Amino acid sequence: RAALLSGQVDVATLAGANAVAVEKAGGKPLTSGEGLIKPTTVI
């Protein structure tokens, strides 16, 4: 997230609060996982 906002990278793969922080700083999503992946986190 920090690398994206400081201009060191062009895109970051983010989730949760990190994605929210980028959007609040003027960033935008190129895509979400909907239709591309069906992620299941597990224990």
PDB file of all heavy atoms in Angstrom:
ATOM      1  N   ARG A   1       0.837  -1.206   0.000  1.00  0.00           N
ATOM      2  CA  ARG A   1       0.000   0.000   0.000  1.00  0.00           C
ATOM      3  C   ARG A   1       0.871   1.254   0.000  1.00  0.00           C
ATOM      4  O   ARG A   1       0.647   2.180  -0.783  1.00  0.00           O
ATOM      5  CB  ARG A   1      -0.914   0.003   1.220  1.00  0.00           C
ATOM      6  CG  ARG A   1      -1.815   1.231   1.329  1.00  0.00           C
ATOM      7  CD  ARG A   1      -2.403   1.342   2.721  1.00  0.00           C
ATOM      8  NE  ARG A   1      -1.396   1.688   3.703  1.00  0.00           N
ATOM      9  CZ  ARG A   1      -1.428   1.338   4.989  1.00  0.00           C
ATOM     10  NH1 ARG A   1      -2.420   0.608   5.461  1.00  0.00           N
ATOM     11  NH2 ARG A   1      -0.473   1.708   5.806  1.00  0.00           N
ATOM     12  N   ALA A   2       1.871   1.283   0.882  1.00  0.00           N
ATOM     13  CA  ALA A   2       2.758   2.446   0.965  1.00  0.00           C
ATOM     14  C   ALA A   2       3.536   2.651  -0.327  1.00  0.00           C
ATOM     15  O   ALA A   2       3.709   3.789  -0.792  1.00  0.00           O
ATOM     16  CB  ALA A   2       3.717   2.278   2.133  1.00  0.00           C
ATOM     17  N   ALA A   3       3.985   1.548  -0.934  1.00  0.00           N
ATOM     18  CA  ALA A   3       4.733   1.645  -2.191  1.00  0.00           C
ATOM     19  C   ALA A   3       3.859   2.197  -3.305  1.00  0.00           C
ATOM     20  O   ALA A   3       4.317   2.994  -4.143  1.00  0.00           O
ATOM     21  CB  ALA A   3       5.282   0.269  -2.574  1.00  0.00           C
ATOM     22  N   LEU A   4       2.591   1.815  -3.304  1.00  0.00           N
ATOM     23  CA  LEU A   4       1.664   2.318  -4.320  1.00  0.00           C
ATOM     24  C   LEU A   4       1.425   3.810  -4.129  1.00  0.00           C
ATOM     25  O   LEU A   4       1.538   4.605  -5.081  1.00  0.00           O
ATOM     26  CB  LEU A   4       0.335   1.556  -4.235  1.00  0.00           C
ATOM     27  CG  LEU A   4      -0.782   2.056  -5.157  1.00  0.00           C
ATOM     28  CD1 LEU A   4      -0.394   1.895  -6.625  1.00  0.00           C
ATOM     29  CD2 LEU A   4      -2.090   1.324  -4.863  1.00  0.00           C
ATOM     30  N   LEU A   5       1.123   4.211  -2.925  1.00  0.00           N
ATOM     31  CA  LEU A   5       0.785   5.614  -2.668  1.00  0.00           C
ATOM     32  C   LEU A   5       1.987   6.548  -2.850  1.00  0.00           C
ATOM     33  O   LEU A   5       1.822   7.728  -3.165  1.00  0.00           O
ATOM     34  CB  LEU A   5       0.207   5.767  -1.260  1.00  0.00           C
ATOM     35  CG  LEU A   5      -1.161   5.103  -1.036  1.00  0.00           C
ATOM     36  CD1 LEU A   5      -1.621   5.278   0.399  1.00  0.00           C
ATOM     37  CD2 LEU A   5      -2.207   5.657  -2.005  1.00  0.00           C
ATOM     38  N   SER A   6       3.191   6.011  -2.669  1.00  0.00           N
ATOM     39  CA  SER A   6       4.394   6.837  -2.842  1.00  0.00           C
ATOM     40  C   SER A   6       4.902   6.833  -4.279  1.00  0.00           C
ATOM     41  O   SER A   6       5.896   7.496  -4.589  1.00  0.00           O
ATOM     42  CB  SER A   6       5.499   6.346  -1.910  1.00  0.00           C
ATOM     43  OG  SER A   6       5.917   5.035  -2.269  1.00  0.00           O
ATOM     44  N   GLY A   7       4.223   6.079  -5.145  1.00  0.00           N
ATOM     45  CA  GLY A   7       4.613   6.072  -6.554  1.00  0.00           C
ATOM     46  C   GLY A   7       5.724   5.107  -6.907  1.00  0.00           C
ATOM     47  O   GLY A   7       6.222   5.114  -8.033  1.00  0.00           O
ATOM     48  N   GLN A   8       6.111   4.229  -5.978  1.00  0.00           N
ATOM     49  CA  GLN A   8       7.179   3.267  -6.267  1.00  0.00           C
ATOM     50  C   GLN A   8       6.706   2.120  -7.150  1.00  0.00           C
ATOM     51  O   GLN A   8       7.505   1.484  -7.840  1.00  0.00           O
ATOM     52  CB  GLN A   8       7.736   2.712  -4.961  1.00  0.00           C
ATOM     53  CG  GLN A   8       8.393   3.751  -4.071  1.00  0.00           C
ATOM     54  CD  GLN A   8       8.838   3.150  -2.744  1.00  0.00           C
ATOM     55  OE1 GLN A   8       9.579   2.168  -2.716  1.00  0.00           O
ATOM     56  NE2 GLN A   8       8.381   3.725  -1.647  1.00  0.00           N
ATOM     57  N   VAL A   9       5.405   1.825  -7.085  1.00  0.00           N
ATOM     58  CA  VAL A   9       4.821   0.795  -7.951  1.00  0.00           C
ATOM     59  C   VAL A   9       3.552   1.356  -8.580  1.00  0.00           C
ATOM     60  O   VAL A   9       3.012   2.369  -8.134  1.00  0.00           O
ATOM     61  CB  VAL A   9       4.501  -0.511  -7.172  1.00  0.00           C
ATOM     62  CG1 VAL A   9       5.767  -1.102  -6.574  1.00  0.00           C
ATOM     63  CG2 VAL A   9       3.459  -0.262  -6.090  1.00  0.00           C
ATOM     64  N   ASP A  10       3.092   0.681  -9.628  1.00  0.00           N
ATOM     65  CA  ASP A  10       1.911   1.158 -10.355  1.00  0.00           C
ATOM     66  C   ASP A  10       0.612   0.571  -9.827  1.00  0.00           C
ATOM     67  O   ASP A  10      -0.446   1.203  -9.912  1.00  0.00           O
ATOM     68  CB  ASP A  10       2.046   0.792 -11.842  1.00  0.00           C
ATOM     69  CG  ASP A  10       3.315   1.357 -12.457  1.00  0.00           C
ATOM     70  OD1 ASP A  10       3.427   2.585 -12.515  1.00  0.00           O
ATOM     71  OD2 ASP A  10       4.184   0.558 -12.865  1.00  0.00           O
ATOM     72  N   VAL A  11       0.700  -0.652  -9.302  1.00  0.00           N
ATOM     73  CA  VAL A  11      -0.489  -1.382  -8.849  1.00  0.00           C
ATOM     74  C   VAL A  11      -0.107  -2.168  -7.601  1.00  0.00           C
ATOM     75  O   VAL A  11       1.037  -2.608  -7.454  1.00  0.00           O
ATOM     76  CB  VAL A  11      -1.000  -2.346  -9.947  1.00  0.00           C
ATOM     77  CG1 VAL A  11      -2.137  -3.228  -9.434  1.00  0.00           C
ATOM     78  CG2 VAL A  11      -1.458  -1.574 -11.179  1.00  0.00           C
ATOM     79  N   ALA A  12      -1.064  -2.348  -6.690  1.00  0.00           N
ATOM     80  CA  ALA A  12      -0.864  -3.205  -5.516  1.00  0.00           C
ATOM     81  C   ALA A  12      -2.049  -4.144  -5.377  1.00  0.00           C
ATOM     82  O   ALA A  12      -3.194  -3.754  -5.647  1.00  0.00           O
ATOM     83  CB  ALA A  12      -0.700  -2.370  -4.255  1.00  0.00           C
ATOM     84  N   THR A  13      -1.762  -5.369  -5.000  1.00  0.00           N
ATOM     85  CA  THR A  13      -2.838  -6.320  -4.709  1.00  0.00           C
ATOM     86  C   THR A  13      -3.168  -6.167  -3.230  1.00  0.00           C
ATOM     87  O   THR A  13      -2.327  -6.434  -2.379  1.00  0.00           O
ATOM     88  CB  THR A  13      -2.405  -7.767  -5.025  1.00  0.00           C
ATOM     89  OG1 THR A  13      -1.279  -8.103  -4.219  1.00  0.00           O
ATOM     90  CG2 THR A  13      -2.029  -7.908  -6.494  1.00  0.00           C
ATOM     91  N   LEU A  14      -4.386  -5.709  -2.942  1.00  0.00           N
ATOM     92  CA  LEU A  14      -4.734  -5.339  -1.561  1.00  0.00           C
ATOM     93  C   LEU A  14      -6.107  -5.874  -1.167  1.00  0.00           C
ATOM     94  O   LEU A  14      -6.913  -6.257  -2.016  1.00  0.00           O
ATOM     95  CB  LEU A  14      -4.718  -3.811  -1.412  1.00  0.00           C
ATOM     96  CG  LEU A  14      -3.376  -3.107  -1.657  1.00  0.00           C
ATOM     97  CD1 LEU A  14      -3.557  -1.599  -1.654  1.00  0.00           C
ATOM     98  CD2 LEU A  14      -2.347  -3.522  -0.606  1.00  0.00           C
ATOM     99  N   ALA A  15      -6.359  -5.832   0.126  1.00  0.00           N
ATOM    100  CA  ALA A  15      -7.655  -6.250   0.659  1.00  0.00           C
ATOM    101  C   ALA A  15      -7.929  -5.484   1.937  1.00  0.00           C
ATOM    102  O   ALA A  15      -7.030  -4.871   2.524  1.00  0.00           O
ATOM    103  CB  ALA A  15      -7.662  -7.750   0.925  1.00  0.00           C
ATOM    104  N   GLY A  16      -9.183  -5.497   2.350  1.00  0.00           N
ATOM    105  CA  GLY A  16      -9.565  -4.925   3.632  1.00  0.00           C
ATOM    106  C   GLY A  16      -9.193  -3.467   3.792  1.00  0.00           C
ATOM    107  O   GLY A  16      -9.333  -2.640   2.874  1.00  0.00           O
ATOM    108  N   ALA A  17      -8.698  -3.125   4.979  1.00  0.00           N
ATOM    109  CA  ALA A  17      -8.401  -1.739   5.320  1.00  0.00           C
ATOM    110  C   ALA A  17      -7.352  -1.124   4.408  1.00  0.00           C
ATOM    111  O   ALA A  17      -7.368   0.089   4.157  1.00  0.00           O
ATOM    112  CB  ALA A  17      -7.922  -1.663   6.771  1.00  0.00           C
ATOM    113  N   ASN A  18      -6.440  -1.945   3.892  1.00  0.00           N
ATOM    114  CA  ASN A  18      -5.411  -1.420   2.998  1.00  0.00           C
ATOM    115  C   ASN A  18      -6.006  -0.929   1.684  1.00  0.00           C
ATOM    116  O   ASN A  18      -5.603   0.099   1.153  1.00  0.00           O
ATOM    117  CB  ASN A  18      -4.344  -2.487   2.743  1.00  0.00           C
ATOM    118  CG  ASN A  18      -3.492  -2.746   3.960  1.00  0.00           C
ATOM    119  OD1 ASN A  18      -2.660  -1.939   4.326  1.00  0.00           O
ATOM    120  ND2 ASN A  18      -3.724  -3.875   4.615  1.00  0.00           N
ATOM    121  N   ALA A  19      -6.988  -1.649   1.168  1.00  0.00           N
ATOM    122  CA  ALA A  19      -7.670  -1.205  -0.048  1.00  0.00           C
ATOM    123  C   ALA A  19      -8.495   0.049   0.225  1.00  0.00           C
ATOM    124  O   ALA A  19      -8.522   0.985  -0.584  1.00  0.00           O
ATOM    125  CB  ALA A  19      -8.567  -2.323  -0.577  1.00  0.00           C
ATOM    126  N   VAL A  20      -9.157   0.084   1.375  1.00  0.00           N
ATOM    127  CA  VAL A  20      -9.947   1.257   1.764  1.00  0.00           C
ATOM    128  C   VAL A  20      -9.051   2.485   1.860  1.00  0.00           C
ATOM    129  O   VAL A  20      -9.401   3.578   1.393  1.00  0.00           O
ATOM    130  CB  VAL A  20     -10.668   1.014   3.109  1.00  0.00           C
ATOM    131  CG1 VAL A  20     -11.298   2.302   3.628  1.00  0.00           C
ATOM    132  CG2 VAL A  20     -11.729  -0.067   2.961  1.00  0.00           C
ATOM    133  N   ALA A  21      -7.863   2.332   2.451  1.00  0.00           N
ATOM    134  CA  ALA A  21      -6.938   3.457   2.615  1.00  0.00           C
ATOM    135  C   ALA A  21      -6.493   4.024   1.280  1.00  0.00           C
ATOM    136  O   ALA A  21      -6.379   5.246   1.113  1.00  0.00           O
ATOM    137  CB  ALA A  21      -5.723   3.010   3.429  1.00  0.00           C
ATOM    138  N   VAL A  22      -6.261   3.154   0.314  1.00  0.00           N
ATOM    139  CA  VAL A  22      -5.846   3.622  -1.016  1.00  0.00           C
ATOM    140  C   VAL A  22      -6.981   4.388  -1.681  1.00  0.00           C
ATOM    141  O   VAL A  22      -6.765   5.452  -2.285  1.00  0.00           O
ATOM    142  CB  VAL A  22      -5.403   2.430  -1.893  1.00  0.00           C
ATOM    143  CG1 VAL A  22      -5.256   2.858  -3.360  1.00  0.00           C
ATOM    144  CG2 VAL A  22      -4.096   1.861  -1.381  1.00  0.00           C
ATOM    145  N   GLU A  23      -8.201   3.866  -1.564  1.00  0.00           N
ATOM    146  CA  GLU A  23      -9.341   4.551  -2.177  1.00  0.00           C
ATOM    147  C   GLU A  23      -9.549   5.919  -1.534  1.00  0.00           C
ATOM    148  O   GLU A  23      -9.839   6.903  -2.230  1.00  0.00           O
ATOM    149  CB  GLU A  23     -10.593   3.688  -2.045  1.00  0.00           C
ATOM    150  CG  GLU A  23     -11.753   4.171  -2.906  1.00  0.00           C
ATOM    151  CD  GLU A  23     -12.835   3.122  -3.051  1.00  0.00           C
ATOM    152  OE1 GLU A  23     -13.072   2.368  -2.087  1.00  0.00           O
ATOM    153  OE2 GLU A  23     -13.434   3.054  -4.134  1.00  0.00           O
ATOM    154  N   LYS A  24      -9.381   6.008  -0.222  1.00  0.00           N
ATOM    155  CA  LYS A  24      -9.555   7.289   0.467  1.00  0.00           C
ATOM    156  C   LYS A  24      -8.470   8.285   0.079  1.00  0.00           C
ATOM    157  O   LYS A  24      -8.660   9.502   0.185  1.00  0.00           O
ATOM    158  CB  LYS A  24      -9.558   7.081   1.979  1.00  0.00           C
ATOM    159  CG  LYS A  24     -10.841   6.428   2.481  1.00  0.00           C
ATOM    160  CD  LYS A  24     -10.982   6.595   3.979  1.00  0.00           C
ATOM    161  CE  LYS A  24     -12.406   6.222   4.406  1.00  0.00           C
ATOM    162  NZ  LYS A  24     -12.654   6.541   5.804  1.00  0.00           N
ATOM    163  N   ALA A  25      -7.321   7.763  -0.372  1.00  0.00           N
ATOM    164  CA  ALA A  25      -6.226   8.635  -0.788  1.00  0.00           C
ATOM    165  C   ALA A  25      -6.322   9.000  -2.264  1.00  0.00           C
ATOM    166  O   ALA A  25      -5.391   9.581  -2.826  1.00  0.00           O
ATOM    167  CB  ALA A  25      -4.889   7.954  -0.510  1.00  0.00           C
ATOM    168  N   GLY A  26      -7.450   8.664  -2.875  1.00  0.00           N
ATOM    169  CA  GLY A  26      -7.659   9.022  -4.276  1.00  0.00           C
ATOM    170  C   GLY A  26      -7.420   7.899  -5.260  1.00  0.00           C
ATOM    171  O   GLY A  26      -7.514   8.092  -6.474  1.00  0.00           O
ATOM    172  N   GLY A  27      -7.090   6.717  -4.728  1.00  0.00           N
ATOM    173  CA  GLY A  27      -6.862   5.578  -5.607  1.00  0.00           C
ATOM    174  C   GLY A  27      -8.157   4.942  -6.078  1.00  0.00           C
ATOM    175  O   GLY A  27      -9.258   5.386  -5.717  1.00  0.00           O
ATOM    176  N   LYS A  28      -8.024   3.881  -6.855  1.00  0.00           N
ATOM    177  CA  LYS A  28      -9.210   3.231  -7.420  1.00  0.00           C
ATOM    178  C   LYS A  28      -8.935   1.744  -7.633  1.00  0.00           C
ATOM    179  O   LYS A  28      -7.785   1.329  -7.836  1.00  0.00           O
ATOM    180  CB  LYS A  28      -9.569   3.877  -8.755  1.00  0.00           C
ATOM    181  CG  LYS A  28      -8.466   3.746  -9.800  1.00  0.00           C
ATOM    182  CD  LYS A  28      -8.737   4.538 -11.060  1.00  0.00           C
ATOM    183  CE  LYS A  28      -7.581   4.390 -12.059  1.00  0.00           C
ATOM    184  NZ  LYS A  28      -7.752   5.212 -13.258  1.00  0.00           N
ATOM    185  N   PRO A  29      -9.979   0.930  -7.594  1.00  0.00           N
ATOM    186  CA  PRO A  29      -9.808  -0.497  -7.894  1.00  0.00           C
ATOM    187  C   PRO A  29      -9.861  -0.730  -9.401  1.00  0.00           C
ATOM    188  O   PRO A  29     -10.717  -0.176 -10.094  1.00  0.00           O
ATOM    189  CB  PRO A  29     -11.002  -1.142  -7.198  1.00  0.00           C
ATOM    190  CG  PRO A  29     -12.056  -0.074  -7.170  1.00  0.00           C
ATOM    191  CD  PRO A  29     -11.329   1.239  -7.084  1.00  0.00           C
ATOM    192  N   LEU A  30      -8.925  -1.540  -9.894  1.00  0.00           N
ATOM    193  CA  LEU A  30      -9.001  -1.972 -11.295  1.00  0.00           C
ATOM    194  C   LEU A  30      -9.969  -3.141 -11.417  1.00  0.00           C
ATOM    195  O   LEU A  30     -10.666  -3.276 -12.411  1.00  0.00           O
ATOM    196  CB  LEU A  30      -7.617  -2.394 -11.790  1.00  0.00           C
ATOM    197  CG  LEU A  30      -6.641  -1.263 -12.111  1.00  0.00           C
ATOM    198  CD1 LEU A  30      -5.268  -1.822 -12.414  1.00  0.00           C
ATOM    199  CD2 LEU A  30      -7.154  -0.433 -13.275  1.00  0.00           C
ATOM    200  N   THR A  31      -9.986  -3.984 -10.403  1.00  0.00           N
ATOM    201  CA  THR A  31     -10.926  -5.103 -10.362  1.00  0.00           C
ATOM    202  C   THR A  31     -10.942  -5.681  -8.959  1.00  0.00           C
ATOM    203  O   THR A  31     -10.001  -5.509  -8.187  1.00  0.00           O
ATOM    204  CB  THR A  31     -10.537  -6.217 -11.358  1.00  0.00           C
ATOM    205  OG1 THR A  31     -11.557  -7.224 -11.379  1.00  0.00           O
ATOM    206  CG2 THR A  31      -9.217  -6.880 -10.994  1.00  0.00           C
ATOM    207  N   SER A  32     -12.029  -6.362  -8.627  1.00  0.00           N
ATOM    208  CA  SER A  32     -12.076  -7.170  -7.410  1.00  0.00           C
ATOM    209  C   SER A  32     -11.936  -8.627  -7.843  1.00  0.00           C
ATOM    210  O   SER A  32     -11.766  -8.931  -9.028  1.00  0.00           O
ATOM    211  CB  SER A  32     -13.408  -6.970  -6.678  1.00  0.00           C
ATOM    212  OG  SER A  32     -14.462  -7.634  -7.367  1.00  0.00           O
ATOM    213  N   GLY A  33     -12.020  -9.524  -6.883  1.00  0.00           N
ATOM    214  CA  GLY A  33     -11.911 -10.936  -7.212  1.00  0.00           C
ATOM    215  C   GLY A  33     -13.187 -11.536  -7.774  1.00  0.00           C
ATOM    216  O   GLY A  33     -13.178 -12.671  -8.260  1.00  0.00           O
ATOM    217  N   GLU A  34     -14.281 -10.791  -7.720  1.00  0.00           N
ATOM    218  CA  GLU A  34     -15.564 -11.325  -8.182  1.00  0.00           C
ATOM    219  C   GLU A  34     -15.490 -11.694  -9.656  1.00  0.00           C
ATOM    220  O   GLU A  34     -15.109 -10.898 -10.503  1.00  0.00           O
ATOM    221  CB  GLU A  34     -16.675 -10.308  -7.948  1.00  0.00           C
ATOM    222  CG  GLU A  34     -18.067 -10.871  -8.207  1.00  0.00           C
ATOM    223  CD  GLU A  34     -19.182  -9.916  -7.823  1.00  0.00           C
ATOM    224  OE1 GLU A  34     -18.898  -8.705  -7.693  1.00  0.00           O
ATOM    225  OE2 GLU A  34     -20.316 -10.379  -7.646  1.00  0.00           O
ATOM    226  N   GLY A  35     -15.843 -12.939  -9.951  1.00  0.00           N
ATOM    227  CA  GLY A  35     -15.812 -13.417 -11.323  1.00  0.00           C
ATOM    228  C   GLY A  35     -14.455 -13.928 -11.766  1.00  0.00           C
ATOM    229  O   GLY A  35     -14.330 -14.533 -12.832  1.00  0.00           O
ATOM    230  N   LEU A  36     -13.423 -13.693 -10.952  1.00  0.00           N
ATOM    231  CA  LEU A  36     -12.076 -14.133 -11.301  1.00  0.00           C
ATOM    232  C   LEU A  36     -11.587 -15.266 -10.393  1.00  0.00           C
ATOM    233  O   LEU A  36     -10.928 -16.197 -10.860  1.00  0.00           O
ATOM    234  CB  LEU A  36     -11.093 -12.961 -11.205  1.00  0.00           C
ATOM    235  CG  LEU A  36     -11.218 -11.874 -12.282  1.00  0.00           C
ATOM    236  CD1 LEU A  36     -10.324 -10.686 -11.945  1.00  0.00           C
ATOM    237  CD2 LEU A  36     -10.837 -12.439 -13.654  1.00  0.00           C
ATOM    238  N   ILE A  37     -11.883 -15.165  -9.112  1.00  0.00           N
ATOM    239  CA  ILE A  37     -11.455 -16.186  -8.155  1.00  0.00           C
ATOM    240  C   ILE A  37     -12.593 -16.488  -7.189  1.00  0.00           C
ATOM    241  O   ILE A  37     -13.536 -15.706  -7.070  1.00  0.00           O
ATOM    242  CB  ILE A  37     -10.217 -15.733  -7.350  1.00  0.00           C
ATOM    243  CG1 ILE A  37     -10.493 -14.399  -6.637  1.00  0.00           C
ATOM    244  CG2 ILE A  37      -8.991 -15.635  -8.256  1.00  0.00           C
ATOM    245  CD1 ILE A  37      -9.371 -13.950  -5.708  1.00  0.00           C
ATOM    246  N   LYS A  38     -12.504 -17.632  -6.530  1.00  0.00           N
ATOM    247  CA  LYS A  38     -13.468 -18.002  -5.498  1.00  0.00           C
ATOM    248  C   LYS A  38     -12.695 -18.334  -4.229  1.00  0.00           C
ATOM    249  O   LYS A  38     -12.586 -19.487  -3.830  1.00  0.00           O
ATOM    250  CB  LYS A  38     -14.304 -19.207  -5.942  1.00  0.00           C
ATOM    251  CG  LYS A  38     -15.160 -18.947  -7.169  1.00  0.00           C
ATOM    252  CD  LYS A  38     -15.908 -20.194  -7.592  1.00  0.00           C
ATOM    253  CE  LYS A  38     -16.763 -19.949  -8.819  1.00  0.00           C
ATOM    254  NZ  LYS A  38     -17.458 -21.183  -9.274  1.00  0.00           N
ATOM    255  N   PRO A  39     -12.116 -17.310  -3.610  1.00  0.00           N
ATOM    256  CA  PRO A  39     -11.182 -17.562  -2.511  1.00  0.00           C
ATOM    257  C   PRO A  39     -11.852 -18.086  -1.248  1.00  0.00           C
ATOM    258  O   PRO A  39     -12.880 -17.592  -0.811  1.00  0.00           O
ATOM    259  CB  PRO A  39     -10.569 -16.186  -2.258  1.00  0.00           C
ATOM    260  CG  PRO A  39     -11.632 -15.231  -2.690  1.00  0.00           C
ATOM    261  CD  PRO A  39     -12.313 -15.881  -3.846  1.00  0.00           C
ATOM    262  N   THR A  40     -11.237 -19.111  -0.692  1.00  0.00           N
ATOM    263  CA  THR A  40     -11.652 -19.632   0.605  1.00  0.00           C
ATOM    264  C   THR A  40     -10.430 -19.624   1.505  1.00  0.00           C
ATOM    265  O   THR A  40      -9.449 -20.308   1.222  1.00  0.00           O
ATOM    266  CB  THR A  40     -12.187 -21.075   0.482  1.00  0.00           C
ATOM    267  OG1 THR A  40     -13.275 -21.105  -0.431  1.00  0.00           O
ATOM    268  CG2 THR A  40     -12.651 -21.600   1.839  1.00  0.00           C
ATOM    269  N   THR A  41     -10.460 -18.805   2.549  1.00  0.00           N
ATOM    270  CA  THR A  41      -9.405 -18.906   3.546  1.00  0.00           C
ATOM    271  C   THR A  41      -9.810 -19.982   4.538  1.00  0.00           C
ATOM    272  O   THR A  41     -11.005 -20.200   4.792  1.00  0.00           O
ATOM    273  CB  THR A  41      -9.148 -17.572   4.273  1.00  0.00           C
ATOM    274  OG1 THR A  41     -10.386 -17.053   4.769  1.00  0.00           O
ATOM    275  CG2 THR A  41      -8.522 -16.555   3.340  1.00  0.00           C
ATOM    276  N   VAL A  42      -8.828 -20.675   5.083  1.00  0.00           N
ATOM    277  CA  VAL A  42      -9.111 -21.845   5.903  1.00  0.00           C
ATOM    278  C   VAL A  42      -8.356 -21.769   7.229  1.00  0.00           C
ATOM    279  O   VAL A  42      -7.482 -20.927   7.422  1.00  0.00           O
ATOM    280  CB  VAL A  42      -8.716 -23.142   5.159  1.00  0.00           C
ATOM    281  CG1 VAL A  42      -9.508 -23.281   3.872  1.00  0.00           C
ATOM    282  CG2 VAL A  42      -7.204 -23.181   4.879  1.00  0.00           C
ATOM    283  N   ILE A  43      -8.719 -22.663   8.121  1.00  0.00           N
ATOM    284  CA  ILE A  43      -7.984 -22.882   9.366  1.00  0.00           C
ATOM    285  C   ILE A  43      -7.291 -24.231   9.210  1.00  0.00           C
ATOM    286  O   ILE A  43      -7.931 -25.221   8.837  1.00  0.00           O
ATOM    287  CB  ILE A  43      -8.933 -22.894  10.579  1.00  0.00           C
ATOM    288  CG1 ILE A  43      -9.730 -21.592  10.652  1.00  0.00           C
ATOM    289  CG2 ILE A  43      -8.154 -23.112  11.872  1.00  0.00           C
ATOM    290  CD1 ILE A  43     -10.869 -21.617  11.671  1.00  0.00           C
TER     291      ILE A  43
END
